[in-house]
Amino acid sequence: MQQTIGFLGAGRMASAMIERLLSKGYRVQVWNRSSTKVDPLVDLGAVACATPAKAAENADAVISFMTDDDAAHRVWLGVDGKDGALSVMARGCLAIECSTLSHGFVKDLAKTVADAGCLYLDAPVTSVPAQVKAGETIFLIGAEDAALQKARPILEAVGQQIIHFGPAGAGTVYKLMNNLLGAVHIAAAAELVAIAQKAGLDGELVAKTFATGPLASGPARMTIPGMVSGNHNEGIHFTTGLRSKDAGYAMQLAKEYGLPLPVGQAAHDVFETATKQGLGDLAQSAVIETLKA
């Protein structure tokens, strides 16, 4: 029997996941704030919906891929309690939150979902859109065993690896610290490139040498070419503003546990500064511009 997935969001990662689910035979009902992003998905077989609640109607599972806590709150719980997905979800329905959100919000959402008789999973990912389309998603799960068992066929349709860290909130803990580490790597790489350029080193050679060296990390390797070229508008997988947001949530998490993270704080400050300078919608390589200003 064909299962129905309600999908909240149609950004880069969400659209890639929707395409993958459609290719695996799922019926997908999609809501997005900007309807134009849904049109290409409708051409592939998705059903466009006017509200998050409509997307969740008669769904076996609802997946959210939102920007931040506020957006996630609106799609799950609605505005003034109206049109939120949770208001129409049947008991036992899966609520799968793939967004990178704050730990506090995720814990509260998990309780609200459970109180409504539904099954909650935080399931953020560590992948780029091309990997999602290819079925190579890595899910970082925080959920009860029963919820994960029920959700596993859906996750396996999209994912290459499902890592269960513990109960609700645990997947988010790992994702936030993972993304903070990415911020550290990219901020440090920007300093490397900035100094190299000041010293007159060949930028292409710097990028090539770093990419093949022992200290190359995925985030730094992906962003250094843009830092060297100064082109922060093309091939955007993740923006400066989103990295700033995630790093901010990570620092909130550190405060929850009473741990000072001076290196993480410094990286967050770099991305926050870049965002305040109007670079938030550009690729993460744009952080180098804060060193040139």
C-alpha atoms as a PDB file:
ATOM      1  CA  MET A   1       0.000   0.000   0.000  1.00  0.00           C
ATOM      2  CA  GLN A   2       1.390   3.382  -1.019  1.00  0.00           C
ATOM      3  CA  GLN A   3       2.279   5.547   1.979  1.00  0.00           C
ATOM      4  CA  THR A   4       1.638   9.276   2.092  1.00  0.00           C
ATOM      5  CA  ILE A   5       4.267  11.703   3.348  1.00  0.00           C
ATOM      6  CA  GLY A   6       3.389  15.245   4.335  1.00  0.00           C
ATOM      7  CA  PHE A   7       6.380  17.462   3.668  1.00  0.00           C
ATOM      8  CA  LEU A   8       6.851  20.901   5.218  1.00  0.00           C
ATOM      9  CA  GLY A   9       9.368  22.924   3.227  1.00  0.00           C
ATOM     10  CA  ALA A  10      10.791  22.857  -0.294  1.00  0.00           C
ATOM     11  CA  GLY A  11      14.254  24.377   0.043  1.00  0.00           C
ATOM     12  CA  ARG A  12      17.398  22.843  -1.426  1.00  0.00           C
ATOM     13  CA  MET A  13      17.650  19.908   0.970  1.00  0.00           C
ATOM     14  CA  ALA A  14      13.897  19.400   1.275  1.00  0.00           C
ATOM     15  CA  SER A  15      13.398  19.338  -2.499  1.00  0.00           C
ATOM     16  CA  ALA A  16      16.182  16.782  -2.884  1.00  0.00           C
ATOM     17  CA  MET A  17      14.564  14.586  -0.237  1.00  0.00           C
ATOM     18  CA  ILE A  18      11.127  14.937  -1.826  1.00  0.00           C
ATOM     19  CA  GLU A  19      12.530  13.908  -5.217  1.00  0.00           C
ATOM     20  CA  ARG A  20      14.076  10.847  -3.617  1.00  0.00           C
ATOM     21  CA  LEU A  21      10.843   9.865  -1.859  1.00  0.00           C
ATOM     22  CA  LEU A  22       8.835  10.263  -5.078  1.00  0.00           C
ATOM     23  CA  SER A  23      11.322   8.064  -6.921  1.00  0.00           C
ATOM     24  CA  LYS A  24      10.799   5.387  -4.265  1.00  0.00           C
ATOM     25  CA  GLY A  25       7.033   5.335  -4.758  1.00  0.00           C
ATOM     26  CA  TYR A  26       5.837   7.489  -1.884  1.00  0.00           C
ATOM     27  CA  ARG A  27       2.966   9.923  -2.326  1.00  0.00           C
ATOM     28  CA  VAL A  28       4.213  13.322  -1.148  1.00  0.00           C
ATOM     29  CA  GLN A  29       2.035  16.281  -0.154  1.00  0.00           C
ATOM     30  CA  VAL A  30       4.133  19.465  -0.008  1.00  0.00           C
ATOM     31  CA  TRP A  31       3.688  22.856   1.588  1.00  0.00           C
ATOM     32  CA  ASN A  32       6.176  25.682   1.247  1.00  0.00           C
ATOM     33  CA  ARG A  33       5.870  29.367   2.047  1.00  0.00           C
ATOM     34  CA  SER A  34       6.928  30.216  -1.512  1.00  0.00           C
ATOM     35  CA  SER A  35       4.747  28.167  -3.855  1.00  0.00           C
ATOM     36  CA  THR A  36       7.107  28.647  -6.805  1.00  0.00           C
ATOM     37  CA  LYS A  37       9.576  26.237  -5.190  1.00  0.00           C
ATOM     38  CA  VAL A  38       6.878  23.558  -5.136  1.00  0.00           C
ATOM     39  CA  ASP A  39       6.055  23.787  -8.867  1.00  0.00           C
ATOM     40  CA  PRO A  40       9.038  21.685 -10.079  1.00  0.00           C
ATOM     41  CA  LEU A  41       8.128  19.035  -7.491  1.00  0.00           C
ATOM     42  CA  VAL A  42       4.533  18.954  -8.701  1.00  0.00           C
ATOM     43  CA  ASP A  43       5.892  18.213 -12.183  1.00  0.00           C
ATOM     44  CA  LEU A  44       7.559  15.155 -10.644  1.00  0.00           C
ATOM     45  CA  GLY A  45       4.337  13.964  -9.000  1.00  0.00           C
ATOM     46  CA  ALA A  46       4.112  15.776  -5.669  1.00  0.00           C
ATOM     47  CA  VAL A  47       0.851  17.359  -4.516  1.00  0.00           C
ATOM     48  CA  ALA A  48       0.978  21.078  -3.665  1.00  0.00           C
ATOM     49  CA  CYS A  49      -0.819  22.103  -0.471  1.00  0.00           C
ATOM     50  CA  ALA A  50      -1.998  25.521   0.691  1.00  0.00           C
ATOM     51  CA  THR A  51      -1.157  25.090   4.385  1.00  0.00           C
ATOM     52  CA  PRO A  52       1.012  22.844   6.599  1.00  0.00           C
ATOM     53  CA  ALA A  53      -2.203  21.265   7.903  1.00  0.00           C
ATOM     54  CA  LYS A  54      -3.300  20.342   4.367  1.00  0.00           C
ATOM     55  CA  ALA A  55       0.092  18.741   3.739  1.00  0.00           C
ATOM     56  CA  ALA A  56      -0.329  16.647   6.894  1.00  0.00           C
ATOM     57  CA  GLU A  57      -3.882  15.458   6.204  1.00  0.00           C
ATOM     58  CA  ASN A  58      -4.151  11.653   6.030  1.00  0.00           C
ATOM     59  CA  ALA A  59      -0.355  11.349   6.093  1.00  0.00           C
ATOM     60  CA  ASP A  60       1.457   8.355   7.519  1.00  0.00           C
ATOM     61  CA  ALA A  61       4.405  10.589   8.354  1.00  0.00           C
ATOM     62  CA  VAL A  62       5.127  14.306   8.284  1.00  0.00           C
ATOM     63  CA  ILE A  63       8.652  15.543   7.592  1.00  0.00           C
ATOM     64  CA  SER A  64       9.781  19.095   8.299  1.00  0.00           C
ATOM     65  CA  PHE A  65      12.805  20.850   6.824  1.00  0.00           C
ATOM     66  CA  MET A  66      12.657  24.424   8.123  1.00  0.00           C
ATOM     67  CA  THR A  67      15.153  27.238   8.602  1.00  0.00           C
ATOM     68  CA  ASP A  68      14.897  27.830  12.340  1.00  0.00           C
ATOM     69  CA  ASP A  69      12.852  27.440  15.524  1.00  0.00           C
ATOM     70  CA  ASP A  70      10.290  30.089  14.594  1.00  0.00           C
ATOM     71  CA  ALA A  71       9.592  28.554  11.196  1.00  0.00           C
ATOM     72  CA  ALA A  72       9.366  25.057  12.687  1.00  0.00           C
ATOM     73  CA  HIS A  73       6.952  26.286  15.352  1.00  0.00           C
ATOM     74  CA  ARG A  74       4.692  27.795  12.692  1.00  0.00           C
ATOM     75  CA  VAL A  75       4.495  24.681  10.534  1.00  0.00           C
ATOM     76  CA  TRP A  76       3.951  22.201  13.363  1.00  0.00           C
ATOM     77  CA  LEU A  77       1.755  24.258  15.685  1.00  0.00           C
ATOM     78  CA  GLY A  78       0.420  26.981  13.404  1.00  0.00           C
ATOM     79  CA  VAL A  79      -0.189  30.630  14.059  1.00  0.00           C
ATOM     80  CA  ASP A  80      -2.593  31.111  16.983  1.00  0.00           C
ATOM     81  CA  GLY A  81      -3.100  27.363  16.908  1.00  0.00           C
ATOM     82  CA  LYS A  82      -4.447  27.360  13.335  1.00  0.00           C
ATOM     83  CA  ASP A  83      -3.268  25.440  10.254  1.00  0.00           C
ATOM     84  CA  GLY A  84      -0.405  23.673  12.020  1.00  0.00           C
ATOM     85  CA  ALA A  85       0.412  20.163  10.842  1.00  0.00           C
ATOM     86  CA  LEU A  86       0.063  18.618  14.289  1.00  0.00           C
ATOM     87  CA  SER A  87      -3.583  19.732  14.531  1.00  0.00           C
ATOM     88  CA  VAL A  88      -4.665  17.183  11.881  1.00  0.00           C
ATOM     89  CA  MET A  89      -2.166  14.356  12.417  1.00  0.00           C
ATOM     90  CA  ALA A  90      -3.711  11.035  13.468  1.00  0.00           C
ATOM     91  CA  ARG A  91      -2.533   9.185  16.562  1.00  0.00           C
ATOM     92  CA  GLY A  92       0.549   7.126  15.754  1.00  0.00           C
ATOM     93  CA  CYS A  93       1.568   9.366  12.864  1.00  0.00           C
ATOM     94  CA  LEU A  94       5.298  10.007  12.592  1.00  0.00           C
ATOM     95  CA  ALA A  95       6.616  13.546  13.097  1.00  0.00           C
ATOM     96  CA  ILE A  96      10.106  13.615  11.591  1.00  0.00           C
ATOM     97  CA  GLU A  97      12.009  16.856  12.188  1.00  0.00           C
ATOM     98  CA  CYS A  98      14.985  17.129   9.837  1.00  0.00           C
ATOM     99  CA  SER A  99      15.657  20.814  10.502  1.00  0.00           C
ATOM    100  CA  THR A 100      18.653  21.988  12.518  1.00  0.00           C
ATOM    101  CA  LEU A 101      16.952  23.577  15.513  1.00  0.00           C
ATOM    102  CA  SER A 102      17.821  24.551  19.049  1.00  0.00           C
ATOM    103  CA  HIS A 103      18.010  21.756  21.605  1.00  0.00           C
ATOM    104  CA  GLY A 104      15.467  23.421  23.876  1.00  0.00           C
ATOM    105  CA  PHE A 105      12.920  23.801  21.093  1.00  0.00           C
ATOM    106  CA  VAL A 106      13.357  20.199  19.964  1.00  0.00           C
ATOM    107  CA  LYS A 107      12.791  18.872  23.482  1.00  0.00           C
ATOM    108  CA  ASP A 108       9.618  20.949  23.835  1.00  0.00           C
ATOM    109  CA  LEU A 109       8.383  19.895  20.386  1.00  0.00           C
ATOM    110  CA  ALA A 110       8.989  16.227  21.173  1.00  0.00           C
ATOM    111  CA  LYS A 111       6.812  16.504  24.286  1.00  0.00           C
ATOM    112  CA  THR A 112       4.057  18.327  22.397  1.00  0.00           C
ATOM    113  CA  VAL A 113       4.069  15.670  19.676  1.00  0.00           C
ATOM    114  CA  ALA A 114       3.947  12.866  22.261  1.00  0.00           C
ATOM    115  CA  ASP A 115       1.071  14.567  24.098  1.00  0.00           C
ATOM    116  CA  ALA A 116      -0.829  14.573  20.783  1.00  0.00           C
ATOM    117  CA  GLY A 117      -0.378  10.809  20.497  1.00  0.00           C
ATOM    118  CA  CYS A 118       2.137  10.958  17.652  1.00  0.00           C
ATOM    119  CA  LEU A 119       5.680   9.599  17.365  1.00  0.00           C
ATOM    120  CA  TYR A 120       8.552  12.087  17.263  1.00  0.00           C
ATOM    121  CA  LEU A 121      12.034  11.839  15.782  1.00  0.00           C
ATOM    122  CA  ASP A 122      14.642  14.542  15.460  1.00  0.00           C
ATOM    123  CA  ALA A 123      16.446  13.475  12.310  1.00  0.00           C
ATOM    124  CA  PRO A 124      18.843  16.193  11.133  1.00  0.00           C
ATOM    125  CA  VAL A 125      21.205  15.219   8.343  1.00  0.00           C
ATOM    126  CA  THR A 126      24.852  15.681   7.393  1.00  0.00           C
ATOM    127  CA  SER A 127      24.561  15.734   3.625  1.00  0.00           C
ATOM    128  CA  VAL A 128      24.372  18.085   0.647  1.00  0.00           C
ATOM    129  CA  PRO A 129      21.470  18.025  -1.859  1.00  0.00           C
ATOM    130  CA  ALA A 130      23.317  15.857  -4.415  1.00  0.00           C
ATOM    131  CA  GLN A 131      23.926  13.202  -1.759  1.00  0.00           C
ATOM    132  CA  VAL A 132      20.269  13.285  -0.713  1.00  0.00           C
ATOM    133  CA  LYS A 133      19.098  12.739  -4.310  1.00  0.00           C
ATOM    134  CA  ALA A 134      21.505   9.818  -4.599  1.00  0.00           C
ATOM    135  CA  GLY A 135      20.176   8.181  -1.424  1.00  0.00           C
ATOM    136  CA  GLU A 136      23.361   8.887   0.509  1.00  0.00           C
ATOM    137  CA  THR A 137      21.822  10.877   3.356  1.00  0.00           C
ATOM    138  CA  ILE A 138      23.197  10.344   6.864  1.00  0.00           C
ATOM    139  CA  PHE A 139      20.479  10.742   9.504  1.00  0.00           C
ATOM    140  CA  LEU A 140      21.367  11.727  13.076  1.00  0.00           C
ATOM    141  CA  ILE A 141      18.507  10.370  15.142  1.00  0.00           C
ATOM    142  CA  GLY A 142      17.078  11.306  18.501  1.00  0.00           C
ATOM    143  CA  ALA A 143      13.990   9.166  19.182  1.00  0.00           C
ATOM    144  CA  GLU A 144      12.473   6.324  21.144  1.00  0.00           C
ATOM    145  CA  ASP A 145      13.126   2.871  19.686  1.00  0.00           C
ATOM    146  CA  ALA A 146       9.486   2.370  18.667  1.00  0.00           C
ATOM    147  CA  ALA A 147       9.408   5.615  16.705  1.00  0.00           C
ATOM    148  CA  LEU A 148      12.635   4.803  14.896  1.00  0.00           C
ATOM    149  CA  GLN A 149      11.477   1.293  14.054  1.00  0.00           C
ATOM    150  CA  LYS A 150       8.301   2.647  12.460  1.00  0.00           C
ATOM    151  CA  ALA A 151      10.179   5.401  10.600  1.00  0.00           C
ATOM    152  CA  ARG A 152      13.045   3.224   9.400  1.00  0.00           C
ATOM    153  CA  PRO A 153      11.572   2.254   5.980  1.00  0.00           C
ATOM    154  CA  ILE A 154      11.070   5.940   5.122  1.00  0.00           C
ATOM    155  CA  LEU A 155      14.529   6.904   6.333  1.00  0.00           C
ATOM    156  CA  GLU A 156      16.124   4.006   4.465  1.00  0.00           C
ATOM    157  CA  ALA A 157      14.449   5.146   1.235  1.00  0.00           C
ATOM    158  CA  VAL A 158      16.500   8.345   1.488  1.00  0.00           C
ATOM    159  CA  GLY A 159      19.433   7.463   3.698  1.00  0.00           C
ATOM    160  CA  GLN A 160      22.641   5.540   3.460  1.00  0.00           C
ATOM    161  CA  GLN A 161      23.204   5.574   7.210  1.00  0.00           C
ATOM    162  CA  ILE A 162      20.926   5.961  10.242  1.00  0.00           C
ATOM    163  CA  ILE A 163      22.759   6.752  13.479  1.00  0.00           C
ATOM    164  CA  HIS A 164      20.650   6.537  16.634  1.00  0.00           C
ATOM    165  CA  PHE A 165      22.204   8.662  19.375  1.00  0.00           C
ATOM    166  CA  GLY A 166      19.454   8.244  21.958  1.00  0.00           C
ATOM    167  CA  PRO A 167      16.061   9.713  22.895  1.00  0.00           C
ATOM    168  CA  ALA A 168      14.492  12.859  21.467  1.00  0.00           C
ATOM    169  CA  GLY A 169      17.006  15.687  21.363  1.00  0.00           C
ATOM    170  CA  ALA A 170      20.084  13.466  21.111  1.00  0.00           C
ATOM    171  CA  GLY A 171      20.352  13.732  17.330  1.00  0.00           C
ATOM    172  CA  THR A 172      20.125  17.499  17.601  1.00  0.00           C
ATOM    173  CA  VAL A 173      22.938  17.604  20.172  1.00  0.00           C
ATOM    174  CA  TYR A 174      25.299  15.868  17.772  1.00  0.00           C
ATOM    175  CA  LYS A 175      24.146  17.908  14.757  1.00  0.00           C
ATOM    176  CA  LEU A 176      24.672  21.241  16.516  1.00  0.00           C
ATOM    177  CA  MET A 177      28.171  20.391  17.676  1.00  0.00           C
ATOM    178  CA  ASN A 178      29.008  18.911  14.263  1.00  0.00           C
ATOM    179  CA  ASN A 179      27.915  22.152  12.579  1.00  0.00           C
ATOM    180  CA  LEU A 180      29.817  24.236  15.120  1.00  0.00           C
ATOM    181  CA  LEU A 181      32.946  22.260  14.267  1.00  0.00           C
ATOM    182  CA  GLY A 182      32.282  23.066  10.614  1.00  0.00           C
ATOM    183  CA  ALA A 183      32.115  26.758  11.507  1.00  0.00           C
ATOM    184  CA  VAL A 184      35.482  26.473  13.264  1.00  0.00           C
ATOM    185  CA  HIS A 185      37.061  24.788  10.239  1.00  0.00           C
ATOM    186  CA  ILE A 186      35.720  27.353   7.763  1.00  0.00           C
ATOM    187  CA  ALA A 187      36.636  30.362   9.902  1.00  0.00           C
ATOM    188  CA  ALA A 188      40.180  29.042  10.333  1.00  0.00           C
ATOM    189  CA  ALA A 189      40.442  28.305   6.601  1.00  0.00           C
ATOM    190  CA  ALA A 190      39.455  31.907   5.867  1.00  0.00           C
ATOM    191  CA  GLU A 191      42.392  33.086   7.965  1.00  0.00           C
ATOM    192  CA  LEU A 192      44.725  30.745   6.075  1.00  0.00           C
ATOM    193  CA  VAL A 193      43.581  32.091   2.706  1.00  0.00           C
ATOM    194  CA  ALA A 194      43.601  35.721   3.832  1.00  0.00           C
ATOM    195  CA  ILE A 195      47.205  35.505   5.036  1.00  0.00           C
ATOM    196  CA  ALA A 196      48.257  33.587   1.914  1.00  0.00           C
ATOM    197  CA  GLN A 197      46.758  36.276  -0.305  1.00  0.00           C
ATOM    198  CA  LYS A 198      48.415  39.072   1.673  1.00  0.00           C
ATOM    199  CA  ALA A 199      51.737  37.294   1.321  1.00  0.00           C
ATOM    200  CA  GLY A 200      51.285  37.001  -2.442  1.00  0.00           C
ATOM    201  CA  LEU A 201      50.911  33.223  -2.645  1.00  0.00           C
ATOM    202  CA  ASP A 202      49.160  31.747  -5.660  1.00  0.00           C
ATOM    203  CA  GLY A 203      45.547  31.175  -4.586  1.00  0.00           C
ATOM    204  CA  GLU A 204      44.926  28.171  -6.826  1.00  0.00           C
ATOM    205  CA  LEU A 205      48.043  26.496  -5.493  1.00  0.00           C
ATOM    206  CA  VAL A 206      46.994  27.206  -1.914  1.00  0.00           C
ATOM    207  CA  ALA A 207      43.568  25.625  -2.534  1.00  0.00           C
ATOM    208  CA  LYS A 208      45.065  22.566  -4.253  1.00  0.00           C
ATOM    209  CA  THR A 209      47.720  22.040  -1.586  1.00  0.00           C
ATOM    210  CA  PHE A 210      45.214  22.298   1.233  1.00  0.00           C
ATOM    211  CA  ALA A 211      42.707  19.962  -0.442  1.00  0.00           C
ATOM    212  CA  THR A 212      45.305  17.189  -0.744  1.00  0.00           C
ATOM    213  CA  GLY A 213      46.935  17.755   2.635  1.00  0.00           C
ATOM    214  CA  PRO A 214      46.421  16.004   5.979  1.00  0.00           C
ATOM    215  CA  LEU A 215      44.468  18.877   7.543  1.00  0.00           C
ATOM    216  CA  ALA A 216      41.811  19.085   4.827  1.00  0.00           C
ATOM    217  CA  SER A 217      38.271  18.806   6.212  1.00  0.00           C
ATOM    218  CA  GLY A 218      35.094  18.641   4.160  1.00  0.00           C
ATOM    219  CA  PRO A 219      33.752  22.092   5.118  1.00  0.00           C
ATOM    220  CA  ALA A 220      37.085  23.851   4.625  1.00  0.00           C
ATOM    221  CA  ARG A 221      37.864  22.021   1.388  1.00  0.00           C
ATOM    222  CA  MET A 222      34.468  22.994  -0.045  1.00  0.00           C
ATOM    223  CA  THR A 223      34.757  26.672   0.852  1.00  0.00           C
ATOM    224  CA  ILE A 224      38.407  27.530   0.127  1.00  0.00           C
ATOM    225  CA  PRO A 225      37.934  27.747  -3.682  1.00  0.00           C
ATOM    226  CA  GLY A 226      35.265  30.408  -3.187  1.00  0.00           C
ATOM    227  CA  MET A 227      37.514  32.266  -0.766  1.00  0.00           C
ATOM    228  CA  VAL A 228      40.314  32.266  -3.333  1.00  0.00           C
ATOM    229  CA  SER A 229      38.114  33.346  -6.257  1.00  0.00           C
ATOM    230  CA  GLY A 230      35.971  35.764  -4.263  1.00  0.00           C
ATOM    231  CA  ASN A 231      32.857  34.246  -5.852  1.00  0.00           C
ATOM    232  CA  HIS A 232      30.329  33.565  -3.107  1.00  0.00           C
ATOM    233  CA  ASN A 233      27.214  33.422  -5.281  1.00  0.00           C
ATOM    234  CA  GLU A 234      27.490  30.110  -7.131  1.00  0.00           C
ATOM    235  CA  GLY A 235      27.082  26.499  -6.045  1.00  0.00           C
ATOM    236  CA  ILE A 236      25.643  27.465  -2.659  1.00  0.00           C
ATOM    237  CA  HIS A 237      25.052  24.352  -0.553  1.00  0.00           C
ATOM    238  CA  PHE A 238      24.809  26.208   2.743  1.00  0.00           C
ATOM    239  CA  THR A 239      24.726  29.913   3.481  1.00  0.00           C
ATOM    240  CA  THR A 240      26.722  32.079   5.855  1.00  0.00           C
ATOM    241  CA  GLY A 241      23.519  33.034   7.658  1.00  0.00           C
ATOM    242  CA  LEU A 242      22.481  29.434   8.259  1.00  0.00           C
ATOM    243  CA  ARG A 243      25.930  28.598   9.623  1.00  0.00           C
ATOM    244  CA  SER A 244      25.656  31.574  11.959  1.00  0.00           C
ATOM    245  CA  LYS A 245      22.232  30.396  13.128  1.00  0.00           C
ATOM    246  CA  ASP A 246      23.427  26.841  13.767  1.00  0.00           C
ATOM    247  CA  ALA A 247      26.521  28.038  15.614  1.00  0.00           C
ATOM    248  CA  GLY A 248      24.296  30.247  17.757  1.00  0.00           C
ATOM    249  CA  TYR A 249      22.096  27.285  18.663  1.00  0.00           C
ATOM    250  CA  ALA A 250      25.236  25.304  19.505  1.00  0.00           C
ATOM    251  CA  MET A 251      26.363  28.021  21.885  1.00  0.00           C
ATOM    252  CA  GLN A 252      22.924  27.950  23.528  1.00  0.00           C
ATOM    253  CA  LEU A 253      23.391  24.209  23.993  1.00  0.00           C
ATOM    254  CA  ALA A 254      26.779  24.793  25.618  1.00  0.00           C
ATOM    255  CA  LYS A 255      25.135  27.179  28.080  1.00  0.00           C
ATOM    256  CA  GLU A 256      22.536  24.508  28.929  1.00  0.00           C
ATOM    257  CA  TYR A 257      25.376  22.247  30.063  1.00  0.00           C
ATOM    258  CA  GLY A 258      27.464  25.002  31.620  1.00  0.00           C
ATOM    259  CA  LEU A 259      30.416  24.517  29.280  1.00  0.00           C
ATOM    260  CA  PRO A 260      32.385  27.465  27.905  1.00  0.00           C
ATOM    261  CA  LEU A 261      33.424  26.894  24.298  1.00  0.00           C
ATOM    262  CA  PRO A 262      35.902  29.677  23.482  1.00  0.00           C
ATOM    263  CA  VAL A 263      36.909  28.313  20.072  1.00  0.00           C
ATOM    264  CA  GLY A 264      33.304  27.681  19.091  1.00  0.00           C
ATOM    265  CA  GLN A 265      32.328  31.135  20.331  1.00  0.00           C
ATOM    266  CA  ALA A 266      35.037  32.741  18.215  1.00  0.00           C
ATOM    267  CA  ALA A 267      33.808  30.899  15.101  1.00  0.00           C
ATOM    268  CA  HIS A 268      30.218  31.881  15.853  1.00  0.00           C
ATOM    269  CA  ASP A 269      31.281  35.520  16.191  1.00  0.00           C
ATOM    270  CA  VAL A 270      32.929  35.394  12.753  1.00  0.00           C
ATOM    271  CA  PHE A 271      29.773  34.098  11.074  1.00  0.00           C
ATOM    272  CA  GLU A 272      27.528  36.428  13.046  1.00  0.00           C
ATOM    273  CA  THR A 273      29.647  39.395  11.961  1.00  0.00           C
ATOM    274  CA  ALA A 274      29.502  38.295   8.326  1.00  0.00           C
ATOM    275  CA  THR A 275      25.729  37.942   8.528  1.00  0.00           C
ATOM    276  CA  LYS A 276      25.345  41.398  10.064  1.00  0.00           C
ATOM    277  CA  GLN A 277      27.474  42.776   7.228  1.00  0.00           C
ATOM    278  CA  GLY A 278      24.872  41.568   4.736  1.00  0.00           C
ATOM    279  CA  LEU A 279      26.619  38.356   3.664  1.00  0.00           C
ATOM    280  CA  GLY A 280      24.069  35.965   5.170  1.00  0.00           C
ATOM    281  CA  ASP A 281      22.525  34.818   1.885  1.00  0.00           C
ATOM    282  CA  LEU A 282      25.911  34.096   0.292  1.00  0.00           C
ATOM    283  CA  ALA A 283      27.980  30.915   0.423  1.00  0.00           C
ATOM    284  CA  GLN A 284      29.965  30.285   3.588  1.00  0.00           C
ATOM    285  CA  SER A 285      33.161  31.275   1.799  1.00  0.00           C
ATOM    286  CA  ALA A 286      31.934  34.870   2.233  1.00  0.00           C
ATOM    287  CA  VAL A 287      33.243  34.897   5.813  1.00  0.00           C
ATOM    288  CA  ILE A 288      36.655  35.778   4.382  1.00  0.00           C
ATOM    289  CA  GLU A 289      35.250  39.193   3.502  1.00  0.00           C
ATOM    290  CA  THR A 290      35.092  40.038   7.222  1.00  0.00           C
ATOM    291  CA  LEU A 291      38.906  39.817   7.292  1.00  0.00           C
ATOM    292  CA  LYS A 292      39.252  42.122   4.278  1.00  0.00           C
ATOM    293  CA  ALA A 293      36.899  44.790   5.592  1.00  0.00           C
END
